[in-house]
Amino acid sequence: MKTKLAKAAYVAAKIFEVLCALATLGYVASFVLSLTRPELASHLAKSLAIQNHGELSVQGFDINILNVNAVIGGTVTVFTLVGIASFAIRTMMFRNVALILETAAGKTSFSKGETPFQKDIVRMVREIGIFYILIPGVQILACIVCRAVIGEIELDVHAECAIAGFVILALSEIFSYGEKLESEVEGLI
């Protein structure tokens, strides 16, 4: 990492990786609470929903509760599972960003020098694209489950992540092409 921007991006990626990992652990604790003390979890969720005008939200997945008294343990359990999945996926995304920057700088054990055009970087960029597409996929699955568990809610899933995922997958093809060109040039020298 020779530029200040690359160093700043690396530091930011590591900070966000840690924050997302901590959020994942928080949602795991909430999930355990929803299973072991469903009445307490429902009470906390109702309080949160009342404060937010009937809305529970995590990473672009919104549950608009039309009847706050309809909040039951199943809602809380599904909501916390979405939180766990969403933040775990984001943790892996930021980990990949940091690894990409380290690998491009030649600082990992598997890097092939100081170049962004490496097979491992192409793989990690593709994984980031797939992770972005997974987030709304998990949320849509949660919508189906929530509708089955409770009828008196509105669900909202933001598809921007999926669009970004497809853009990142397209960019991975550019990195793949660059990696092939670079290996051909090295073969000629």
C-alpha atoms as a PDB file:
ATOM      1  CA  MET A   1       0.000   0.000   0.000  1.00  0.00           C
ATOM      2  CA  LYS A   2       1.829   2.995  -1.266  1.00  0.00           C
ATOM      3  CA  THR A   3      -0.885   5.634  -1.352  1.00  0.00           C
ATOM      4  CA  LYS A   4      -2.553   7.415   1.512  1.00  0.00           C
ATOM      5  CA  LEU A   5      -5.924   6.447   0.069  1.00  0.00           C
ATOM      6  CA  ALA A   6      -5.038   2.730   0.162  1.00  0.00           C
ATOM      7  CA  LYS A   7      -3.825   3.049   3.749  1.00  0.00           C
ATOM      8  CA  ALA A   8      -6.989   4.921   4.767  1.00  0.00           C
ATOM      9  CA  ALA A   9      -9.176   2.346   2.989  1.00  0.00           C
ATOM     10  CA  TYR A  10      -7.359  -0.460   4.783  1.00  0.00           C
ATOM     11  CA  VAL A  11      -7.820   1.170   8.202  1.00  0.00           C
ATOM     12  CA  ALA A  12     -11.496   1.885   7.453  1.00  0.00           C
ATOM     13  CA  ALA A  13     -12.067  -1.701   6.281  1.00  0.00           C
ATOM     14  CA  LYS A  14     -10.531  -3.099   9.474  1.00  0.00           C
ATOM     15  CA  ILE A  15     -12.596  -0.731  11.654  1.00  0.00           C
ATOM     16  CA  PHE A  16     -15.821  -1.664   9.845  1.00  0.00           C
ATOM     17  CA  GLU A  17     -14.902  -5.353  10.024  1.00  0.00           C
ATOM     18  CA  VAL A  18     -14.590  -5.113  13.814  1.00  0.00           C
ATOM     19  CA  LEU A  19     -17.785  -3.055  14.166  1.00  0.00           C
ATOM     20  CA  CYS A  20     -19.767  -5.507  12.022  1.00  0.00           C
ATOM     21  CA  ALA A  21     -18.363  -8.445  14.001  1.00  0.00           C
ATOM     22  CA  LEU A  22     -19.459  -6.758  17.235  1.00  0.00           C
ATOM     23  CA  ALA A  23     -22.922  -6.096  15.766  1.00  0.00           C
ATOM     24  CA  THR A  24     -23.111  -9.772  14.765  1.00  0.00           C
ATOM     25  CA  LEU A  25     -22.338 -10.770  18.346  1.00  0.00           C
ATOM     26  CA  GLY A  26     -25.012  -8.367  19.606  1.00  0.00           C
ATOM     27  CA  TYR A  27     -27.586  -9.952  17.329  1.00  0.00           C
ATOM     28  CA  VAL A  28     -26.456 -13.429  18.429  1.00  0.00           C
ATOM     29  CA  ALA A  29     -27.086 -12.354  22.043  1.00  0.00           C
ATOM     30  CA  SER A  30     -30.518 -11.009  21.027  1.00  0.00           C
ATOM     31  CA  PHE A  31     -31.269 -14.279  19.232  1.00  0.00           C
ATOM     32  CA  VAL A  32     -30.371 -16.292  22.333  1.00  0.00           C
ATOM     33  CA  LEU A  33     -32.549 -13.944  24.405  1.00  0.00           C
ATOM     34  CA  SER A  34     -35.453 -14.450  21.985  1.00  0.00           C
ATOM     35  CA  LEU A  35     -35.178 -18.217  22.495  1.00  0.00           C
ATOM     36  CA  THR A  36     -34.536 -18.310  26.227  1.00  0.00           C
ATOM     37  CA  ARG A  37     -36.700 -15.365  27.335  1.00  0.00           C
ATOM     38  CA  PRO A  38     -39.205 -14.748  24.516  1.00  0.00           C
ATOM     39  CA  GLU A  39     -41.467 -12.587  26.682  1.00  0.00           C
ATOM     40  CA  LEU A  40     -38.595 -10.240  27.543  1.00  0.00           C
ATOM     41  CA  ALA A  41     -37.418 -10.141  23.921  1.00  0.00           C
ATOM     42  CA  SER A  42     -40.967  -9.359  22.747  1.00  0.00           C
ATOM     43  CA  HIS A  43     -41.270  -6.604  25.360  1.00  0.00           C
ATOM     44  CA  LEU A  44     -37.971  -5.036  24.261  1.00  0.00           C
ATOM     45  CA  ALA A  45     -38.953  -5.274  20.594  1.00  0.00           C
ATOM     46  CA  LYS A  46     -42.342  -3.695  21.300  1.00  0.00           C
ATOM     47  CA  SER A  47     -40.630  -0.838  23.145  1.00  0.00           C
ATOM     48  CA  LEU A  48     -38.211  -0.332  20.260  1.00  0.00           C
ATOM     49  CA  ALA A  49     -41.041  -0.483  17.713  1.00  0.00           C
ATOM     50  CA  ILE A  50     -43.081   2.077  19.663  1.00  0.00           C
ATOM     51  CA  GLN A  51     -40.068   4.434  19.784  1.00  0.00           C
ATOM     52  CA  ASN A  52     -39.547   4.053  16.023  1.00  0.00           C
ATOM     53  CA  HIS A  53     -43.201   4.511  15.033  1.00  0.00           C
ATOM     54  CA  GLY A  54     -43.811   0.785  14.622  1.00  0.00           C
ATOM     55  CA  GLU A  55     -40.655   0.005  12.682  1.00  0.00           C
ATOM     56  CA  LEU A  56     -37.846  -2.442  13.328  1.00  0.00           C
ATOM     57  CA  SER A  57     -34.958  -2.092  10.896  1.00  0.00           C
ATOM     58  CA  VAL A  58     -31.652  -3.833  10.253  1.00  0.00           C
ATOM     59  CA  GLN A  59     -29.390  -3.298   7.231  1.00  0.00           C
ATOM     60  CA  GLY A  60     -32.160  -2.356   4.801  1.00  0.00           C
ATOM     61  CA  PHE A  61     -34.646  -4.927   6.122  1.00  0.00           C
ATOM     62  CA  ASP A  62     -37.602  -3.113   7.663  1.00  0.00           C
ATOM     63  CA  ILE A  63     -40.498  -4.589   9.568  1.00  0.00           C
ATOM     64  CA  ASN A  64     -43.341  -2.088   9.846  1.00  0.00           C
ATOM     65  CA  ILE A  65     -45.578  -3.423  12.557  1.00  0.00           C
ATOM     66  CA  LEU A  66     -49.176  -2.358  12.044  1.00  0.00           C
ATOM     67  CA  ASN A  67     -50.240  -3.676  15.445  1.00  0.00           C
ATOM     68  CA  VAL A  68     -47.447  -3.356  18.014  1.00  0.00           C
ATOM     69  CA  ASN A  69     -49.216  -5.890  20.237  1.00  0.00           C
ATOM     70  CA  ALA A  70     -48.673  -8.440  17.444  1.00  0.00           C
ATOM     71  CA  VAL A  71     -44.929  -8.506  18.156  1.00  0.00           C
ATOM     72  CA  ILE A  72     -44.246 -12.021  19.336  1.00  0.00           C
ATOM     73  CA  GLY A  73     -41.142 -14.069  19.933  1.00  0.00           C
ATOM     74  CA  GLY A  74     -41.166 -15.384  16.366  1.00  0.00           C
ATOM     75  CA  THR A  75     -40.869 -11.858  14.965  1.00  0.00           C
ATOM     76  CA  VAL A  76     -37.941 -11.100  17.233  1.00  0.00           C
ATOM     77  CA  THR A  77     -36.261 -14.396  16.374  1.00  0.00           C
ATOM     78  CA  VAL A  78     -36.553 -13.824  12.615  1.00  0.00           C
ATOM     79  CA  PHE A  79     -35.444 -10.204  13.003  1.00  0.00           C
ATOM     80  CA  THR A  80     -32.341 -11.200  14.977  1.00  0.00           C
ATOM     81  CA  LEU A  81     -31.491 -13.953  12.469  1.00  0.00           C
ATOM     82  CA  VAL A  82     -31.573 -11.357   9.677  1.00  0.00           C
ATOM     83  CA  GLY A  83     -29.300  -9.143  11.786  1.00  0.00           C
ATOM     84  CA  ILE A  84     -26.866 -12.000  12.366  1.00  0.00           C
ATOM     85  CA  ALA A  85     -26.754 -12.936   8.675  1.00  0.00           C
ATOM     86  CA  SER A  86     -26.525  -9.343   7.429  1.00  0.00           C
ATOM     87  CA  PHE A  87     -23.738  -8.302   9.772  1.00  0.00           C
ATOM     88  CA  ALA A  88     -21.810 -11.571   9.376  1.00  0.00           C
ATOM     89  CA  ILE A  89     -21.881 -11.106   5.585  1.00  0.00           C
ATOM     90  CA  ARG A  90     -20.733  -7.495   5.939  1.00  0.00           C
ATOM     91  CA  THR A  91     -17.934  -8.602   8.278  1.00  0.00           C
ATOM     92  CA  MET A  92     -16.685 -10.974   5.570  1.00  0.00           C
ATOM     93  CA  MET A  93     -16.972  -8.226   2.942  1.00  0.00           C
ATOM     94  CA  PHE A  94     -14.795  -5.806   4.924  1.00  0.00           C
ATOM     95  CA  ARG A  95     -12.334  -8.594   5.699  1.00  0.00           C
ATOM     96  CA  ASN A  96     -12.007  -9.237   1.969  1.00  0.00           C
ATOM     97  CA  VAL A  97     -11.463  -5.524   1.269  1.00  0.00           C
ATOM     98  CA  ALA A  98      -8.587  -5.445   3.767  1.00  0.00           C
ATOM     99  CA  LEU A  99      -7.111  -8.673   2.358  1.00  0.00           C
ATOM    100  CA  ILE A 100      -7.372  -7.332  -1.200  1.00  0.00           C
ATOM    101  CA  LEU A 101      -5.414  -4.229  -0.240  1.00  0.00           C
ATOM    102  CA  GLU A 102      -2.794  -6.286   1.614  1.00  0.00           C
ATOM    103  CA  THR A 103      -2.473  -8.780  -1.243  1.00  0.00           C
ATOM    104  CA  ALA A 104      -2.166  -6.044  -3.871  1.00  0.00           C
ATOM    105  CA  ALA A 105       0.659  -4.556  -1.795  1.00  0.00           C
ATOM    106  CA  GLY A 106       2.419  -7.944  -1.657  1.00  0.00           C
ATOM    107  CA  LYS A 107       1.996  -8.233   2.105  1.00  0.00           C
ATOM    108  CA  THR A 108       0.158 -11.565   2.380  1.00  0.00           C
ATOM    109  CA  SER A 109       1.707 -15.024   2.298  1.00  0.00           C
ATOM    110  CA  PHE A 110      -0.224 -15.856  -0.888  1.00  0.00           C
ATOM    111  CA  SER A 111       0.386 -12.629  -2.830  1.00  0.00           C
ATOM    112  CA  LYS A 112       2.250 -12.738  -6.136  1.00  0.00           C
ATOM    113  CA  GLY A 113       4.004  -9.408  -5.771  1.00  0.00           C
ATOM    114  CA  GLU A 114       2.747  -5.849  -5.758  1.00  0.00           C
ATOM    115  CA  THR A 115      -0.093  -5.995  -8.274  1.00  0.00           C
ATOM    116  CA  PRO A 116      -3.883  -5.936  -8.064  1.00  0.00           C
ATOM    117  CA  PHE A 117      -4.113  -8.497 -10.868  1.00  0.00           C
ATOM    118  CA  GLN A 118      -3.893 -11.768  -8.960  1.00  0.00           C
ATOM    119  CA  LYS A 119      -6.196 -14.786  -8.913  1.00  0.00           C
ATOM    120  CA  ASP A 120      -6.812 -14.449  -5.177  1.00  0.00           C
ATOM    121  CA  ILE A 121      -7.833 -10.813  -5.577  1.00  0.00           C
ATOM    122  CA  VAL A 122     -10.199 -11.723  -8.415  1.00  0.00           C
ATOM    123  CA  ARG A 123     -11.737 -14.409  -6.176  1.00  0.00           C
ATOM    124  CA  MET A 124     -12.126 -12.007  -3.244  1.00  0.00           C
ATOM    125  CA  VAL A 125     -13.712  -9.301  -5.424  1.00  0.00           C
ATOM    126  CA  ARG A 126     -16.178 -11.906  -6.740  1.00  0.00           C
ATOM    127  CA  GLU A 127     -16.938 -12.979  -3.177  1.00  0.00           C
ATOM    128  CA  ILE A 128     -17.737  -9.367  -2.253  1.00  0.00           C
ATOM    129  CA  GLY A 129     -20.170  -9.192  -5.178  1.00  0.00           C
ATOM    130  CA  ILE A 130     -21.803 -12.453  -4.104  1.00  0.00           C
ATOM    131  CA  PHE A 131     -22.019 -11.235  -0.498  1.00  0.00           C
ATOM    132  CA  TYR A 132     -23.786  -8.075  -1.661  1.00  0.00           C
ATOM    133  CA  ILE A 133     -26.313 -10.163  -3.586  1.00  0.00           C
ATOM    134  CA  LEU A 134     -26.807 -12.498  -0.593  1.00  0.00           C
ATOM    135  CA  ILE A 135     -27.976  -9.724   1.747  1.00  0.00           C
ATOM    136  CA  PRO A 136     -31.305  -9.000  -0.016  1.00  0.00           C
ATOM    137  CA  GLY A 137     -31.670 -12.737  -0.684  1.00  0.00           C
ATOM    138  CA  VAL A 138     -31.552 -13.434   3.048  1.00  0.00           C
ATOM    139  CA  GLN A 139     -33.958 -10.561   3.637  1.00  0.00           C
ATOM    140  CA  ILE A 140     -36.468 -11.850   1.070  1.00  0.00           C
ATOM    141  CA  LEU A 141     -36.353 -15.260   2.715  1.00  0.00           C
ATOM    142  CA  ALA A 142     -36.986 -13.558   6.059  1.00  0.00           C
ATOM    143  CA  CYS A 143     -39.973 -11.729   4.530  1.00  0.00           C
ATOM    144  CA  ILE A 144     -41.522 -15.044   3.567  1.00  0.00           C
ATOM    145  CA  VAL A 145     -40.970 -16.416   7.073  1.00  0.00           C
ATOM    146  CA  CYS A 146     -42.314 -13.242   8.734  1.00  0.00           C
ATOM    147  CA  ARG A 147     -45.477 -13.355   6.631  1.00  0.00           C
ATOM    148  CA  ALA A 148     -46.007 -16.933   7.742  1.00  0.00           C
ATOM    149  CA  VAL A 149     -45.358 -16.141  11.427  1.00  0.00           C
ATOM    150  CA  ILE A 150     -47.306 -12.864  11.639  1.00  0.00           C
ATOM    151  CA  GLY A 151     -49.841 -11.393   9.283  1.00  0.00           C
ATOM    152  CA  GLU A 152     -50.084  -7.836  10.608  1.00  0.00           C
ATOM    153  CA  ILE A 153     -46.822  -6.394   9.286  1.00  0.00           C
ATOM    154  CA  GLU A 154     -45.432  -4.651   6.255  1.00  0.00           C
ATOM    155  CA  LEU A 155     -42.013  -5.738   5.067  1.00  0.00           C
ATOM    156  CA  ASP A 156     -39.506  -3.743   3.076  1.00  0.00           C
ATOM    157  CA  VAL A 157     -36.306  -4.981   1.428  1.00  0.00           C
ATOM    158  CA  HIS A 158     -33.901  -2.614  -0.296  1.00  0.00           C
ATOM    159  CA  ALA A 159     -32.483  -4.082  -3.499  1.00  0.00           C
ATOM    160  CA  GLU A 160     -29.582  -1.628  -3.838  1.00  0.00           C
ATOM    161  CA  CYS A 161     -27.223  -4.242  -2.424  1.00  0.00           C
ATOM    162  CA  ALA A 162     -28.081  -6.675  -5.208  1.00  0.00           C
ATOM    163  CA  ILE A 163     -27.426  -4.015  -7.852  1.00  0.00           C
ATOM    164  CA  ALA A 164     -24.072  -3.178  -6.245  1.00  0.00           C
ATOM    165  CA  GLY A 165     -23.280  -6.895  -6.137  1.00  0.00           C
ATOM    166  CA  PHE A 166     -23.795  -7.263  -9.881  1.00  0.00           C
ATOM    167  CA  VAL A 167     -21.612  -4.195 -10.514  1.00  0.00           C
ATOM    168  CA  ILE A 168     -18.855  -5.695  -8.348  1.00  0.00           C
ATOM    169  CA  LEU A 169     -19.152  -9.037 -10.157  1.00  0.00           C
ATOM    170  CA  ALA A 170     -18.697  -7.164 -13.450  1.00  0.00           C
ATOM    171  CA  LEU A 171     -15.612  -5.416 -12.039  1.00  0.00           C
ATOM    172  CA  SER A 172     -14.201  -8.798 -11.035  1.00  0.00           C
ATOM    173  CA  GLU A 173     -14.221  -9.733 -14.729  1.00  0.00           C
ATOM    174  CA  ILE A 174     -12.002  -6.713 -15.422  1.00  0.00           C
ATOM    175  CA  PHE A 175      -9.582  -7.850 -12.710  1.00  0.00           C
ATOM    176  CA  SER A 176      -9.657 -11.361 -14.147  1.00  0.00           C
ATOM    177  CA  TYR A 177      -8.807 -10.038 -17.610  1.00  0.00           C
ATOM    178  CA  GLY A 178      -5.984  -7.924 -16.134  1.00  0.00           C
ATOM    179  CA  GLU A 179      -4.628 -10.941 -14.264  1.00  0.00           C
ATOM    180  CA  LYS A 180      -4.572 -12.997 -17.485  1.00  0.00           C
ATOM    181  CA  LEU A 181      -2.838 -10.213 -19.432  1.00  0.00           C
ATOM    182  CA  GLU A 182      -0.234  -9.751 -16.724  1.00  0.00           C
ATOM    183  CA  SER A 183       0.557 -13.481 -16.587  1.00  0.00           C
ATOM    184  CA  GLU A 184       0.887 -13.565 -20.405  1.00  0.00           C
ATOM    185  CA  VAL A 185       3.264 -10.603 -20.362  1.00  0.00           C
ATOM    186  CA  GLU A 186       5.377 -12.231 -17.631  1.00  0.00           C
ATOM    187  CA  GLY A 187       5.475 -15.413 -19.712  1.00  0.00           C
ATOM    188  CA  LEU A 188       6.931 -13.455 -22.662  1.00  0.00           C
ATOM    189  CA  ILE A 189       9.697 -11.836 -20.649  1.00  0.00           C
END
